[in-house]
Protein backbone atom coordinates (compact mmCIF):
# COMPACT_ATOMS: atom_id res chain seq x y z
CA MET A 1 45.08 -7.11 -3.84
CA GLY A 2 43.05 -9.45 -6.46
CA GLY A 3 41.02 -7.22 -9.21
CA GLY A 4 43.73 -4.60 -10.33
CA GLY A 5 42.92 -2.56 -7.04
CA LYS A 6 45.06 -0.93 -5.03
CA VAL A 7 44.22 0.46 -1.56
CA HIS A 8 46.05 4.18 -1.28
CA SER A 9 45.32 5.52 2.06
CA VAL A 10 43.06 3.39 4.91
CA SER A 11 40.69 6.40 4.20
CA ASP A 12 39.32 4.77 0.68
CA MET A 13 38.95 1.97 3.09
CA ILE A 14 35.54 1.13 3.93
CA ILE A 15 35.83 1.19 7.93
CA PRO A 16 32.59 0.08 9.68
CA ALA A 17 30.48 2.42 12.13
CA ALA A 18 29.16 0.74 15.61
CA VAL A 19 25.41 0.69 15.57
CA SER A 20 23.54 1.15 18.60
CA SER A 21 21.51 -1.42 19.65
CA ILE A 22 18.19 0.99 18.67
CA GLU A 23 19.35 0.81 15.16
CA ILE A 24 19.72 -2.97 15.80
CA HIS A 25 16.13 -2.89 16.97
CA GLU A 26 14.28 -1.29 14.22
CA MET A 27 15.81 -2.43 11.96
CA PHE A 28 14.48 -6.14 12.75
CA LYS A 29 11.54 -3.96 13.85
CA ARG A 30 11.37 -2.96 10.04
CA ILE A 31 12.11 -6.34 8.66
CA GLU A 32 8.97 -8.32 10.51
CA MET A 33 6.63 -5.04 9.37
CA GLU A 34 8.35 -6.17 5.78
CA ASP A 35 7.92 -10.09 6.38
CA ALA A 36 4.06 -9.31 8.39
CA ALA A 37 3.31 -7.58 4.54
CA PHE A 38 4.86 -9.89 2.40
CA LYS A 39 3.16 -12.38 4.83
CA GLU A 40 0.06 -10.88 3.90
CA ILE A 41 0.03 -10.64 0.43
CA LYS A 42 1.52 -14.06 -0.16
CA GLU A 43 -1.31 -15.60 1.91
CA ALA A 44 -3.84 -13.57 -0.44
CA ALA A 45 -2.28 -14.78 -3.45
CA ASN A 46 -2.89 -17.74 -2.68
CA ARG A 47 -6.46 -16.87 -1.65
CA GLU A 48 -7.30 -15.88 -4.90
CA ALA A 49 -5.26 -18.88 -6.02
CA ASP A 50 -7.75 -21.50 -4.54
CA GLU A 51 -10.77 -19.16 -5.49
CA ARG A 52 -9.69 -19.23 -8.90
CA GLU A 53 -9.46 -22.91 -8.51
CA ARG A 54 -12.47 -23.88 -7.05
CA LEU A 55 -14.80 -20.92 -9.54
CA GLU A 56 -12.98 -23.34 -13.08
CA GLU A 57 -14.00 -26.46 -11.32
CA ALA A 58 -17.15 -24.63 -10.39
CA VAL A 59 -17.77 -23.74 -14.78
CA LYS A 60 -16.59 -26.93 -15.85
CA THR A 61 -18.84 -29.07 -13.79
CA ALA A 62 -21.68 -26.22 -15.22
CA ALA A 63 -20.71 -27.67 -18.47
CA LYS A 64 -20.54 -30.70 -18.07
CA LEU A 65 -24.45 -30.53 -16.04
CA GLU A 66 -25.50 -28.93 -19.70
CA VAL A 67 -24.00 -30.69 -21.75
CA LYS A 68 -25.63 -34.71 -20.72
CA MET A 69 -28.48 -34.02 -17.99
CA PRO A 70 -30.42 -32.02 -20.14
CA SER A 71 -30.87 -35.16 -22.55
CA LEU A 72 -31.43 -37.25 -18.63
CA LEU A 73 -34.10 -34.85 -17.73
CA GLN A 74 -35.99 -34.95 -20.82
CA LEU A 75 -36.18 -39.04 -20.40
CA GLU A 76 -38.96 -41.11 -18.44
CA GLU A 77 -38.74 -44.33 -17.16
CA GLY A 78 -40.72 -46.36 -19.50
CA ALA A 79 -40.07 -43.70 -22.41
CA MET A 80 -38.42 -45.64 -25.61
CA VAL A 81 -35.34 -44.46 -26.54
CA ARG A 82 -33.00 -45.35 -29.77
CA VAL A 83 -29.33 -45.09 -28.21
CA ASN A 84 -27.39 -43.54 -29.94
CA SER A 85 -23.02 -44.70 -29.21
CA GLY A 86 -21.97 -47.67 -27.98
CA PRO A 87 -22.11 -51.17 -28.38
CA PHE A 88 -26.45 -51.19 -28.88
CA THR A 89 -25.95 -48.00 -31.19
CA ASN A 90 -29.13 -47.81 -33.67
CA HIS A 91 -31.57 -50.74 -31.27
CA THR A 92 -34.26 -49.86 -29.22
CA GLY A 93 -34.96 -49.86 -26.07
CA VAL A 94 -36.72 -48.94 -22.36
CA VAL A 95 -35.02 -46.38 -19.85
CA GLU A 96 -35.45 -48.97 -16.96
CA LYS A 97 -33.62 -46.73 -13.79
CA ILE A 98 -32.71 -43.03 -14.47
CA ASN A 99 -30.10 -42.57 -12.38
CA HIS A 100 -29.03 -38.12 -11.55
CA GLU A 101 -26.54 -38.01 -9.77
CA GLU A 102 -24.53 -40.47 -11.56
CA GLU A 103 -26.14 -39.41 -14.80
CA THR A 104 -26.95 -43.15 -16.54
CA VAL A 105 -29.43 -44.61 -17.88
CA SER A 106 -30.01 -48.30 -17.33
CA LEU A 107 -32.17 -48.94 -20.35
CA ILE A 108 -33.89 -52.64 -21.54
CA THR A 109 -32.56 -53.19 -24.80
CA LEU A 110 -35.55 -54.58 -27.33
CA LEU A 111 -32.92 -56.27 -29.65
CA THR A 112 -34.99 -56.44 -32.64
CA PHE A 113 -34.14 -59.98 -34.98
CA SER A 114 -34.61 -60.03 -39.47
CA LEU A 115 -35.89 -63.54 -40.75
CA SER A 116 -34.55 -63.41 -43.77
CA HIS A 117 -36.09 -65.28 -46.98
């Protein structure tokens, strides 16, 4: 035999025992119960992961609103504003339209020119 082990007698060998149909039925029933318990644990873990993902998205959305919305809420159409970033930085404009859903503001920019003498 491989592995260096020798069987000296029939009593050293593992001899399978007969299993009754009742014992087989009980084994399958136990396996089904374990599978059902595992499925419940897996579904609970998936629900927790989905809830965690939903909460993370809600936090991200709230953070975006905190950063963007206060400035939009303070604006009114017709208000005079100075552009802080982008190609029209430091130009002055009048708020034409505020879109709170898209968090955008449409401006009519007032370009100022200086004439050098």
